[in-house]
Amino acid sequence: MAALADAEHRLGRGLPAELRQLLLESNGIIGHTAVDTVWSAEQIVEQNLLFRSDSSFAQLYMPFDALLFFGDNGGGDQFAFVQTPQRPDIFVWEHETDSRRWVARDLRDYLSRSLAEGGDDWYQ
């Protein structure tokens, strides 16, 4: 519980309720091929702070302030909640094109889709 409070403090925002509950039960989820389907609370903080502060990212990509990244596909694409406006939907950020598109209606839907036997490119 203290780790989540610290994570929220460092991020300057609360975690979505579904994600918070999952992190209380397990500190992340590893998928079929050792993919970080849901990162640990510490990794969520580290990755989000990096994406918001790295000046080279600011030159290459649209701003990430509206997103809260929480997992990846193992190949560079990352999954995020939209925080502005706050909503339960999950979007994928594709690192090669900087596109951001809808992939799941909420965390449960994301986990169902990403952990199915479809492979790490299930969202393509």
C-alpha atoms as a PDB file:
ATOM      1  CA  MET A   1       0.000   0.000   0.000  1.00  0.00           C
ATOM      2  CA  ALA A   2       2.814   2.426   0.872  1.00  0.00           C
ATOM      3  CA  ALA A   3       4.536   1.625  -2.442  1.00  0.00           C
ATOM      4  CA  LEU A   4       1.404   2.614  -4.365  1.00  0.00           C
ATOM      5  CA  ALA A   5       1.006   5.831  -2.390  1.00  0.00           C
ATOM      6  CA  ASP A   6       4.659   6.618  -3.125  1.00  0.00           C
ATOM      7  CA  ALA A   7       4.149   5.812  -6.823  1.00  0.00           C
ATOM      8  CA  GLU A   8       1.127   8.113  -7.023  1.00  0.00           C
ATOM      9  CA  HIS A   9       3.037  10.866  -5.222  1.00  0.00           C
ATOM     10  CA  ARG A  10       6.012  10.571  -7.595  1.00  0.00           C
ATOM     11  CA  LEU A  11       3.712  10.564 -10.645  1.00  0.00           C
ATOM     12  CA  GLY A  12       1.691  13.492  -9.342  1.00  0.00           C
ATOM     13  CA  ARG A  13      -1.580  11.667 -10.017  1.00  0.00           C
ATOM     14  CA  GLY A  14      -3.614   8.754  -8.761  1.00  0.00           C
ATOM     15  CA  LEU A  15      -3.505   5.396 -10.499  1.00  0.00           C
ATOM     16  CA  PRO A  16      -6.687   4.184 -12.196  1.00  0.00           C
ATOM     17  CA  ALA A  17      -8.741   2.135  -9.710  1.00  0.00           C
ATOM     18  CA  GLU A  18      -8.471  -1.122 -11.706  1.00  0.00           C
ATOM     19  CA  LEU A  19      -4.699  -0.815 -11.985  1.00  0.00           C
ATOM     20  CA  ARG A  20      -4.341   0.113  -8.330  1.00  0.00           C
ATOM     21  CA  GLN A  21      -6.339  -2.955  -7.283  1.00  0.00           C
ATOM     22  CA  LEU A  22      -4.292  -5.253  -9.513  1.00  0.00           C
ATOM     23  CA  LEU A  23      -1.026  -3.858  -8.102  1.00  0.00           C
ATOM     24  CA  LEU A  24      -2.300  -4.449  -4.568  1.00  0.00           C
ATOM     25  CA  GLU A  25      -2.818  -8.112  -5.457  1.00  0.00           C
ATOM     26  CA  SER A  26       0.333  -8.639  -7.549  1.00  0.00           C
ATOM     27  CA  ASN A  27       3.123  -6.275  -8.408  1.00  0.00           C
ATOM     28  CA  GLY A  28       2.748  -6.707 -12.169  1.00  0.00           C
ATOM     29  CA  ILE A  29       1.930  -9.507 -14.622  1.00  0.00           C
ATOM     30  CA  ILE A  30       4.322 -11.346 -16.912  1.00  0.00           C
ATOM     31  CA  GLY A  31       2.714 -12.655 -20.120  1.00  0.00           C
ATOM     32  CA  HIS A  32       3.259 -15.880 -22.082  1.00  0.00           C
ATOM     33  CA  THR A  33       6.610 -14.999 -23.605  1.00  0.00           C
ATOM     34  CA  ALA A  34       8.062 -13.125 -20.603  1.00  0.00           C
ATOM     35  CA  VAL A  35       6.454  -9.867 -21.776  1.00  0.00           C
ATOM     36  CA  ASP A  36       5.695  -7.267 -19.104  1.00  0.00           C
ATOM     37  CA  THR A  37       1.942  -7.244 -19.649  1.00  0.00           C
ATOM     38  CA  VAL A  38       1.564  -5.066 -16.535  1.00  0.00           C
ATOM     39  CA  TRP A  39       4.652  -3.468 -15.028  1.00  0.00           C
ATOM     40  CA  SER A  40       5.479  -3.294 -11.337  1.00  0.00           C
ATOM     41  CA  ALA A  41       4.543  -0.070  -9.553  1.00  0.00           C
ATOM     42  CA  GLU A  42       8.202   1.008  -9.601  1.00  0.00           C
ATOM     43  CA  GLN A  43       8.520   0.376 -13.334  1.00  0.00           C
ATOM     44  CA  ILE A  44       5.301   2.319 -13.987  1.00  0.00           C
ATOM     45  CA  VAL A  45       6.821   5.302 -12.186  1.00  0.00           C
ATOM     46  CA  GLU A  46      10.220   5.010 -13.876  1.00  0.00           C
ATOM     47  CA  GLN A  47       8.853   4.664 -17.404  1.00  0.00           C
ATOM     48  CA  ASN A  48       6.292   7.443 -17.087  1.00  0.00           C
ATOM     49  CA  LEU A  49       8.787   9.882 -15.565  1.00  0.00           C
ATOM     50  CA  LEU A  50      11.295   9.030 -18.301  1.00  0.00           C
ATOM     51  CA  PHE A  51       8.766   9.606 -21.080  1.00  0.00           C
ATOM     52  CA  ARG A  52       7.760  12.953 -19.626  1.00  0.00           C
ATOM     53  CA  SER A  53      11.281  14.246 -18.967  1.00  0.00           C
ATOM     54  CA  ASP A  54      13.505  12.943 -21.783  1.00  0.00           C
ATOM     55  CA  SER A  55      14.229  15.871 -24.107  1.00  0.00           C
ATOM     56  CA  SER A  56      14.929  13.587 -27.080  1.00  0.00           C
ATOM     57  CA  PHE A  57      11.443  12.079 -26.716  1.00  0.00           C
ATOM     58  CA  ALA A  58       9.977  15.588 -26.744  1.00  0.00           C
ATOM     59  CA  GLN A  59      11.629  16.196 -30.119  1.00  0.00           C
ATOM     60  CA  LEU A  60      10.557  12.861 -31.611  1.00  0.00           C
ATOM     61  CA  TYR A  61       7.032  12.314 -30.281  1.00  0.00           C
ATOM     62  CA  MET A  62       3.809  14.065 -29.406  1.00  0.00           C
ATOM     63  CA  PRO A  63       3.487  14.803 -25.658  1.00  0.00           C
ATOM     64  CA  PHE A  64       2.796  11.865 -23.335  1.00  0.00           C
ATOM     65  CA  ASP A  65       1.152  13.868 -20.532  1.00  0.00           C
ATOM     66  CA  ALA A  66      -2.334  12.497 -21.257  1.00  0.00           C
ATOM     67  CA  LEU A  67      -1.151   8.867 -21.016  1.00  0.00           C
ATOM     68  CA  LEU A  68      -0.250   6.629 -18.084  1.00  0.00           C
ATOM     69  CA  PHE A  69       1.890   3.782 -19.396  1.00  0.00           C
ATOM     70  CA  PHE A  70       1.641   0.490 -17.512  1.00  0.00           C
ATOM     71  CA  GLY A  71       2.875  -2.331 -19.792  1.00  0.00           C
ATOM     72  CA  ASP A  72       4.478  -3.246 -23.098  1.00  0.00           C
ATOM     73  CA  ASN A  73       4.620  -5.872 -25.832  1.00  0.00           C
ATOM     74  CA  GLY A  74       8.342  -6.597 -25.528  1.00  0.00           C
ATOM     75  CA  GLY A  75       9.135  -4.885 -28.832  1.00  0.00           C
ATOM     76  CA  GLY A  76       8.834  -1.200 -27.957  1.00  0.00           C
ATOM     77  CA  ASP A  77       5.084  -0.616 -28.149  1.00  0.00           C
ATOM     78  CA  GLN A  78       3.507   0.370 -24.845  1.00  0.00           C
ATOM     79  CA  PHE A  79       0.039   0.264 -23.341  1.00  0.00           C
ATOM     80  CA  ALA A  80      -1.527   3.139 -21.452  1.00  0.00           C
ATOM     81  CA  PHE A  81      -4.609   4.492 -19.790  1.00  0.00           C
ATOM     82  CA  VAL A  82      -5.772   7.843 -21.076  1.00  0.00           C
ATOM     83  CA  GLN A  83      -5.652  10.219 -18.114  1.00  0.00           C
ATOM     84  CA  THR A  84      -6.853  13.397 -19.807  1.00  0.00           C
ATOM     85  CA  PRO A  85      -9.760  13.068 -20.010  1.00  0.00           C
ATOM     86  CA  GLN A  86      -9.768  10.223 -17.507  1.00  0.00           C
ATOM     87  CA  ARG A  87     -11.325   7.080 -18.951  1.00  0.00           C
ATOM     88  CA  PRO A  88     -10.997   3.301 -18.483  1.00  0.00           C
ATOM     89  CA  ASP A  89      -9.965   2.594 -22.092  1.00  0.00           C
ATOM     90  CA  ILE A  90      -6.539   1.206 -22.943  1.00  0.00           C
ATOM     91  CA  PHE A  91      -4.547   2.590 -25.846  1.00  0.00           C
ATOM     92  CA  VAL A  92      -1.371   1.334 -27.491  1.00  0.00           C
ATOM     93  CA  TRP A  93       1.439   3.730 -28.296  1.00  0.00           C
ATOM     94  CA  GLU A  94       3.334   2.391 -31.305  1.00  0.00           C
ATOM     95  CA  HIS A  95       6.896   3.632 -31.006  1.00  0.00           C
ATOM     96  CA  GLU A  96       7.779   3.477 -34.693  1.00  0.00           C
ATOM     97  CA  THR A  97       4.916   5.708 -35.856  1.00  0.00           C
ATOM     98  CA  ASP A  98       4.027   7.565 -32.620  1.00  0.00           C
ATOM     99  CA  SER A  99       0.431   6.477 -33.177  1.00  0.00           C
ATOM    100  CA  ARG A 100      -1.916   6.075 -30.241  1.00  0.00           C
ATOM    101  CA  ARG A 101      -4.984   3.956 -30.766  1.00  0.00           C
ATOM    102  CA  TRP A 102      -7.658   2.167 -28.792  1.00  0.00           C
ATOM    103  CA  VAL A 103      -7.126  -1.556 -28.043  1.00  0.00           C
ATOM    104  CA  ALA A 104      -9.334  -2.425 -25.043  1.00  0.00           C
ATOM    105  CA  ARG A 105     -12.316  -1.023 -23.168  1.00  0.00           C
ATOM    106  CA  ASP A 106     -10.702  -1.429 -19.717  1.00  0.00           C
ATOM    107  CA  LEU A 107      -7.962  -3.281 -17.844  1.00  0.00           C
ATOM    108  CA  ARG A 108      -9.936  -6.519 -17.649  1.00  0.00           C
ATOM    109  CA  ASP A 109     -10.539  -6.468 -21.417  1.00  0.00           C
ATOM    110  CA  TYR A 110      -6.838  -5.674 -21.992  1.00  0.00           C
ATOM    111  CA  LEU A 111      -5.720  -8.597 -19.822  1.00  0.00           C
ATOM    112  CA  SER A 112      -8.163 -10.954 -21.530  1.00  0.00           C
ATOM    113  CA  ARG A 113      -6.924  -9.959 -24.978  1.00  0.00           C
ATOM    114  CA  SER A 114      -3.213  -9.724 -24.204  1.00  0.00           C
ATOM    115  CA  LEU A 115      -2.990 -12.977 -22.241  1.00  0.00           C
ATOM    116  CA  ALA A 116      -4.915 -15.010 -24.826  1.00  0.00           C
ATOM    117  CA  GLU A 117      -2.923 -17.371 -27.009  1.00  0.00           C
ATOM    118  CA  GLY A 118      -2.671 -14.802 -29.817  1.00  0.00           C
ATOM    119  CA  GLY A 119       0.944 -13.760 -29.210  1.00  0.00           C
ATOM    120  CA  ASP A 120       2.580 -10.465 -28.342  1.00  0.00           C
ATOM    121  CA  ASP A 121       1.186  -8.644 -31.391  1.00  0.00           C
ATOM    122  CA  TRP A 122      -2.449  -9.337 -30.446  1.00  0.00           C
ATOM    123  CA  TYR A 123      -3.352  -5.662 -30.853  1.00  0.00           C
ATOM    124  CA  GLN A 124      -2.215  -5.370 -34.493  1.00  0.00           C
END
